[in-house]
Protein backbone atom coordinates (compact mmCIF):
# COMPACT_ATOMS: atom_id res chain seq x y z
CA UNK A 1 0.00 0.00 0.00
CA UNK A 2 2.81 2.41 0.91
CA UNK A 3 4.48 1.70 -2.43
CA UNK A 4 1.29 2.51 -4.34
CA UNK A 5 0.77 5.68 -2.31
CA UNK A 6 4.39 6.74 -2.91
CA UNK A 7 4.05 6.13 -6.64
CA UNK A 8 0.86 8.21 -6.67
CA UNK A 9 2.61 11.09 -4.94
CA UNK A 10 5.49 10.98 -7.40
CA UNK A 11 3.05 10.95 -10.32
CA UNK A 12 1.12 13.87 -8.84
CA UNK A 13 4.31 15.89 -8.47
CA UNK A 14 5.28 15.37 -12.08
CA UNK A 15 2.05 16.65 -13.62
CA UNK A 16 2.94 19.01 -16.44
CA UNK A 17 1.39 22.47 -16.70
CA UNK A 18 -0.58 23.01 -19.89
CA UNK A 19 1.60 24.30 -22.71
CA UNK A 20 0.57 27.94 -22.89
CA UNK A 21 2.51 31.05 -23.80
CA UNK A 22 2.06 32.31 -20.23
CA UNK A 23 3.60 29.13 -18.81
CA UNK A 24 6.49 29.26 -21.30
CA UNK A 25 7.06 32.92 -20.39
CA UNK A 26 7.02 32.09 -16.67
CA UNK A 27 9.50 29.25 -17.21
CA UNK A 28 11.76 31.50 -19.27
CA UNK A 29 11.62 34.19 -16.58
CA UNK A 30 12.56 31.64 -13.90
CA UNK A 31 15.53 30.48 -16.00
CA UNK A 32 16.64 34.02 -16.76
CA UNK A 33 16.52 34.87 -13.08
CA UNK A 34 18.66 31.79 -12.31
CA UNK A 35 21.38 32.77 -14.76
CA UNK A 36 24.42 33.82 -12.81
CA UNK A 37 24.96 37.45 -13.68
CA UNK A 38 26.27 40.60 -12.12
CA UNK A 39 23.74 43.30 -11.14
CA UNK A 40 24.00 44.85 -14.62
CA UNK A 41 23.12 41.53 -16.33
CA UNK A 42 26.65 40.47 -17.35
CA UNK A 43 27.27 36.72 -17.33
CA UNK A 44 29.68 35.43 -14.71
CA UNK A 45 30.98 32.72 -17.09
CA UNK A 46 34.75 32.34 -16.86
CA UNK A 47 35.35 31.04 -20.38
CA UNK A 48 33.89 30.94 -23.86
CA UNK A 49 32.77 27.34 -23.27
CA UNK A 50 30.97 28.30 -20.04
CA UNK A 51 29.21 31.22 -21.73
CA UNK A 52 28.24 29.01 -24.68
CA UNK A 53 26.83 26.37 -22.30
CA UNK A 54 24.82 29.04 -20.45
CA UNK A 55 23.34 30.22 -23.76
CA UNK A 56 22.56 26.65 -24.84
CA UNK A 57 20.72 26.00 -21.56
CA UNK A 58 18.80 29.25 -21.99
CA UNK A 59 17.84 28.46 -25.61
CA UNK A 60 16.66 25.00 -24.49
CA UNK A 61 14.64 26.37 -21.59
CA UNK A 62 12.97 29.20 -23.49
CA UNK A 63 12.06 26.77 -26.28
CA UNK A 64 11.34 23.81 -24.02
CA UNK A 65 8.37 22.52 -26.01
CA UNK A 66 10.67 21.99 -29.01
CA UNK A 67 13.45 20.24 -27.08
CA UNK A 68 13.94 16.47 -27.04
CA UNK A 69 14.73 15.59 -23.42
CA UNK A 70 15.96 12.01 -23.91
CA UNK A 71 19.04 10.77 -25.74
CA UNK A 72 18.99 11.75 -29.42
CA UNK A 73 18.20 8.93 -31.85
CA UNK A 74 21.09 7.15 -33.58
CA UNK A 75 20.31 8.47 -37.07
CA UNK A 76 19.28 12.11 -36.78
CA UNK A 77 16.78 13.78 -39.08
CA UNK A 78 18.92 16.87 -39.37
CA UNK A 79 22.04 18.56 -38.02
CA UNK A 80 22.04 22.35 -38.32
CA UNK A 81 25.04 24.49 -37.37
CA UNK A 82 24.46 28.19 -36.83
CA UNK A 83 27.13 30.82 -36.39
CA UNK A 84 25.90 33.85 -34.50
CA UNK A 85 27.17 37.09 -33.01
CA UNK A 86 26.14 38.61 -29.67
CA UNK A 87 27.00 42.21 -28.83
CA UNK A 88 28.23 43.57 -25.49
CA UNK A 89 24.62 44.11 -24.37
CA UNK A 90 23.54 40.52 -25.12
CA UNK A 91 21.68 41.37 -28.32
CA UNK A 92 21.72 38.96 -31.24
CA UNK A 93 23.50 40.90 -34.00
CA UNK A 94 23.70 38.30 -36.75
CA UNK A 95 23.02 34.63 -37.35
CA UNK A 96 23.61 32.35 -40.32
CA UNK A 97 23.29 28.67 -41.12
CA UNK A 98 26.76 27.27 -41.86
CA UNK A 99 25.89 23.55 -42.07
CA UNK A 100 22.64 22.00 -43.18
CA UNK A 101 21.17 18.99 -44.92
CA UNK A 102 18.76 21.36 -46.73
CA UNK A 103 15.82 20.53 -44.42
CA UNK A 104 14.14 23.96 -44.52
CA UNK A 105 11.82 23.16 -41.58
CA UNK A 106 14.65 22.34 -39.19
CA UNK A 107 16.71 25.28 -40.46
CA UNK A 108 13.79 27.61 -39.71
CA UNK A 109 13.26 26.04 -36.29
CA UNK A 110 16.92 26.46 -35.35
CA UNK A 111 17.03 30.10 -36.46
CA UNK A 112 13.68 30.89 -34.82
CA UNK A 113 14.60 29.34 -31.48
CA UNK A 114 17.85 31.32 -31.44
CA UNK A 115 16.11 34.61 -32.28
CA UNK A 116 13.26 34.00 -29.82
CA UNK A 117 15.73 33.56 -26.97
CA UNK A 118 17.55 36.88 -27.42
CA UNK A 119 18.53 39.04 -25.70
CA UNK A 120 21.06 36.90 -23.89
CA UNK A 121 23.00 37.65 -20.71
CA UNK A 122 25.71 40.17 -21.51
CA UNK A 123 28.99 38.42 -22.35
CA UNK A 124 31.89 39.00 -19.95
CA UNK A 125 34.11 41.83 -21.20
CA UNK A 126 37.12 39.48 -21.31
CA UNK A 127 35.37 37.40 -24.01
CA UNK A 128 34.55 40.33 -26.29
CA UNK A 129 36.39 41.27 -29.45
CA UNK A 130 35.44 44.69 -30.84
CA UNK A 131 32.41 44.73 -28.52
CA UNK A 132 31.09 41.38 -29.78
CA UNK A 133 31.44 37.65 -29.35
CA UNK A 134 31.07 35.12 -32.16
CA UNK A 135 29.72 31.67 -31.31
CA UNK A 136 28.42 28.62 -33.09
CA UNK A 137 25.95 25.99 -31.97
CA UNK A 138 24.70 22.71 -33.42
CA UNK A 139 21.02 21.77 -33.35
CA UNK A 140 20.51 17.97 -33.39
CA UNK A 141 17.01 17.12 -34.68
CA UNK A 142 15.16 13.86 -34.13
CA UNK A 143 12.55 12.62 -36.62
CA UNK A 144 9.77 14.25 -34.57
CA UNK A 145 11.26 17.70 -35.18
CA UNK A 146 12.44 18.26 -31.61
CA UNK A 147 16.08 19.10 -30.95
CA UNK A 148 18.95 19.17 -28.49
CA UNK A 149 21.89 21.51 -28.64
CA UNK A 150 25.23 19.74 -29.02
CA UNK A 151 26.89 21.83 -26.29
CA UNK A 152 24.60 20.30 -23.65
CA UNK A 153 23.18 17.23 -25.47
CA UNK A 154 23.12 13.74 -24.08
CA UNK A 155 25.10 11.11 -26.04
CA UNK A 156 23.28 9.74 -29.10
CA UNK A 157 21.78 6.28 -29.00
CA UNK A 158 23.80 3.56 -30.73
CA UNK A 159 20.83 2.02 -32.55
């Protein structure tokens, strides 16, 4: 009986909120508030890799309904690499697809999720070059159209 009751409590605690824009906005706000920044909104990342990982987590959280949360399938639908530039204030200055398999739907999803996440936390001054930072990220798409970002992705399945 205790096992059944415990399982019921666990199930009750994992009930998902309905997928509404208000809930996505609230989730994004929670994530943004958890980002480690100085009072002026500058990231406290100590390296380019740390800043890139922070941005990947933020992109994934803001676009959570489009993210695949389990290990990516062995043979991916699409791999999209985007190069993008963030200015000293965290604004997305430019983005471009640099690798694609010509799947226009996944290209559009990758670009849209990046744009919808901006502005980002301000990059640390030490990482800037001419007031900007250039990054690249890889979107790994499963057949269902959901993605993970390579910087923070789980290992792919073998089969």
